[in-house]
Amino acid sequence: MQAEEEEERVLRTLQQCTRRIRELGDRGRVKDAIQELANLSKKNVQPDTYAATALVRACCKDMELAQSVFDELFGGWS
């Protein structure tokens, strides 16, 4: 039962984080969106594809920043 509760906590945390990243990105608050993703580690949660994609989209007006974020998240894969 405890494993299920932890899984639910992680899922809820990721959903909330992804939503906040999208909202911050929509408002042009890219640095806050980056910080939001970074805060996941404080909650012992690893970013998932949805949160990472939301962050890259938030950075898309600054392609250099978007590339930097992508490289940081995915180890420079292309």
C-alpha atoms as a PDB file:
ATOM      1  CA  MET A   1       0.000   0.000   0.000  1.00  0.00           C
ATOM      2  CA  GLN A   2       2.820   2.433   0.796  1.00  0.00           C
ATOM      3  CA  ALA A   3       4.327   1.961  -2.689  1.00  0.00           C
ATOM      4  CA  GLU A   4       0.991   2.895  -4.262  1.00  0.00           C
ATOM      5  CA  GLU A   5       0.779   6.031  -2.115  1.00  0.00           C
ATOM      6  CA  GLU A   6       4.294   7.036  -3.132  1.00  0.00           C
ATOM      7  CA  GLU A   7       3.471   6.454  -6.790  1.00  0.00           C
ATOM      8  CA  GLU A   8       0.365   8.639  -6.441  1.00  0.00           C
ATOM      9  CA  ARG A   9       2.404  11.360  -4.712  1.00  0.00           C
ATOM     10  CA  VAL A  10       4.971  11.368  -7.513  1.00  0.00           C
ATOM     11  CA  LEU A  11       2.286  11.457 -10.210  1.00  0.00           C
ATOM     12  CA  ARG A  12       0.431  14.312  -8.486  1.00  0.00           C
ATOM     13  CA  THR A  13       3.661  16.249  -8.015  1.00  0.00           C
ATOM     14  CA  LEU A  14       4.619  15.832 -11.678  1.00  0.00           C
ATOM     15  CA  GLN A  15       1.178  16.904 -12.882  1.00  0.00           C
ATOM     16  CA  GLN A  16       1.219  20.006 -10.681  1.00  0.00           C
ATOM     17  CA  CYS A  17       4.753  20.896 -11.723  1.00  0.00           C
ATOM     18  CA  THR A  18       3.989  20.463 -15.425  1.00  0.00           C
ATOM     19  CA  ARG A  19       0.910  22.675 -15.116  1.00  0.00           C
ATOM     20  CA  ARG A  20       2.907  25.391 -13.309  1.00  0.00           C
ATOM     21  CA  ILE A  21       5.700  25.236 -15.900  1.00  0.00           C
ATOM     22  CA  ARG A  22       3.152  25.713 -18.694  1.00  0.00           C
ATOM     23  CA  GLU A  23       1.526  28.639 -16.881  1.00  0.00           C
ATOM     24  CA  LEU A  24       4.877  30.293 -16.198  1.00  0.00           C
ATOM     25  CA  GLY A  25       5.973  29.747 -19.794  1.00  0.00           C
ATOM     26  CA  ASP A  26       2.748  31.291 -21.078  1.00  0.00           C
ATOM     27  CA  ARG A  27       3.534  34.372 -18.978  1.00  0.00           C
ATOM     28  CA  GLY A  28       7.111  34.566 -20.252  1.00  0.00           C
ATOM     29  CA  ARG A  29       8.547  33.705 -16.841  1.00  0.00           C
ATOM     30  CA  VAL A  30      11.115  31.246 -18.167  1.00  0.00           C
ATOM     31  CA  LYS A  31      13.543  31.450 -15.250  1.00  0.00           C
ATOM     32  CA  ASP A  32      10.708  30.658 -12.843  1.00  0.00           C
ATOM     33  CA  ALA A  33       9.698  27.715 -15.043  1.00  0.00           C
ATOM     34  CA  ILE A  34      13.271  26.399 -14.903  1.00  0.00           C
ATOM     35  CA  GLN A  35      13.281  26.799 -11.125  1.00  0.00           C
ATOM     36  CA  GLU A  36       9.982  24.926 -10.919  1.00  0.00           C
ATOM     37  CA  LEU A  37      11.516  21.925 -12.661  1.00  0.00           C
ATOM     38  CA  ALA A  38      14.642  22.159 -10.484  1.00  0.00           C
ATOM     39  CA  ASN A  39      12.453  22.072  -7.379  1.00  0.00           C
ATOM     40  CA  LEU A  40      11.358  18.536  -8.251  1.00  0.00           C
ATOM     41  CA  SER A  41      14.676  17.199  -6.978  1.00  0.00           C
ATOM     42  CA  LYS A  42      13.937  18.737  -3.571  1.00  0.00           C
ATOM     43  CA  LYS A  43      10.774  16.642  -3.551  1.00  0.00           C
ATOM     44  CA  ASN A  44      12.690  13.495  -4.559  1.00  0.00           C
ATOM     45  CA  VAL A  45      10.915  13.395  -7.919  1.00  0.00           C
ATOM     46  CA  GLN A  46      12.650  12.965 -11.266  1.00  0.00           C
ATOM     47  CA  PRO A  47      11.196  15.028 -14.138  1.00  0.00           C
ATOM     48  CA  ASP A  48       9.188  13.065 -16.675  1.00  0.00           C
ATOM     49  CA  THR A  49       8.824  13.680 -20.399  1.00  0.00           C
ATOM     50  CA  TYR A  50       5.774  15.912 -19.919  1.00  0.00           C
ATOM     51  CA  ALA A  51       7.498  18.256 -17.466  1.00  0.00           C
ATOM     52  CA  ALA A  52      10.655  18.388 -19.594  1.00  0.00           C
ATOM     53  CA  THR A  53       8.678  19.094 -22.759  1.00  0.00           C
ATOM     54  CA  ALA A  54       6.701  21.834 -21.018  1.00  0.00           C
ATOM     55  CA  LEU A  55       9.971  23.454 -19.980  1.00  0.00           C
ATOM     56  CA  VAL A  56      11.505  23.290 -23.446  1.00  0.00           C
ATOM     57  CA  ARG A  57       8.312  24.838 -24.854  1.00  0.00           C
ATOM     58  CA  ALA A  58       8.492  27.582 -22.226  1.00  0.00           C
ATOM     59  CA  CYS A  59      11.998  28.356 -23.464  1.00  0.00           C
ATOM     60  CA  CYS A  60      11.187  28.239 -27.183  1.00  0.00           C
ATOM     61  CA  LYS A  61      11.343  32.018 -27.704  1.00  0.00           C
ATOM     62  CA  ASP A  62      14.992  31.806 -26.714  1.00  0.00           C
ATOM     63  CA  MET A  63      16.314  28.882 -28.758  1.00  0.00           C
ATOM     64  CA  GLU A  64      19.767  29.053 -27.192  1.00  0.00           C
ATOM     65  CA  LEU A  65      18.199  28.675 -23.765  1.00  0.00           C
ATOM     66  CA  ALA A  66      15.895  25.920 -25.017  1.00  0.00           C
ATOM     67  CA  GLN A  67      18.889  24.004 -26.403  1.00  0.00           C
ATOM     68  CA  SER A  68      20.759  24.452 -23.129  1.00  0.00           C
ATOM     69  CA  VAL A  69      17.792  23.146 -21.137  1.00  0.00           C
ATOM     70  CA  PHE A  70      17.361  20.221 -23.530  1.00  0.00           C
ATOM     71  CA  ASP A  71      21.066  19.346 -23.268  1.00  0.00           C
ATOM     72  CA  GLU A  72      20.901  19.507 -19.472  1.00  0.00           C
ATOM     73  CA  LEU A  73      17.799  17.313 -19.287  1.00  0.00           C
ATOM     74  CA  PHE A  74      18.748  14.769 -21.930  1.00  0.00           C
ATOM     75  CA  GLY A  75      22.527  14.791 -21.845  1.00  0.00           C
ATOM     76  CA  GLY A  76      22.995  16.388 -25.247  1.00  0.00           C
ATOM     77  CA  TRP A  77      21.146  13.696 -27.203  1.00  0.00           C
ATOM     78  CA  SER A  78      20.084  14.821 -30.626  1.00  0.00           C
END
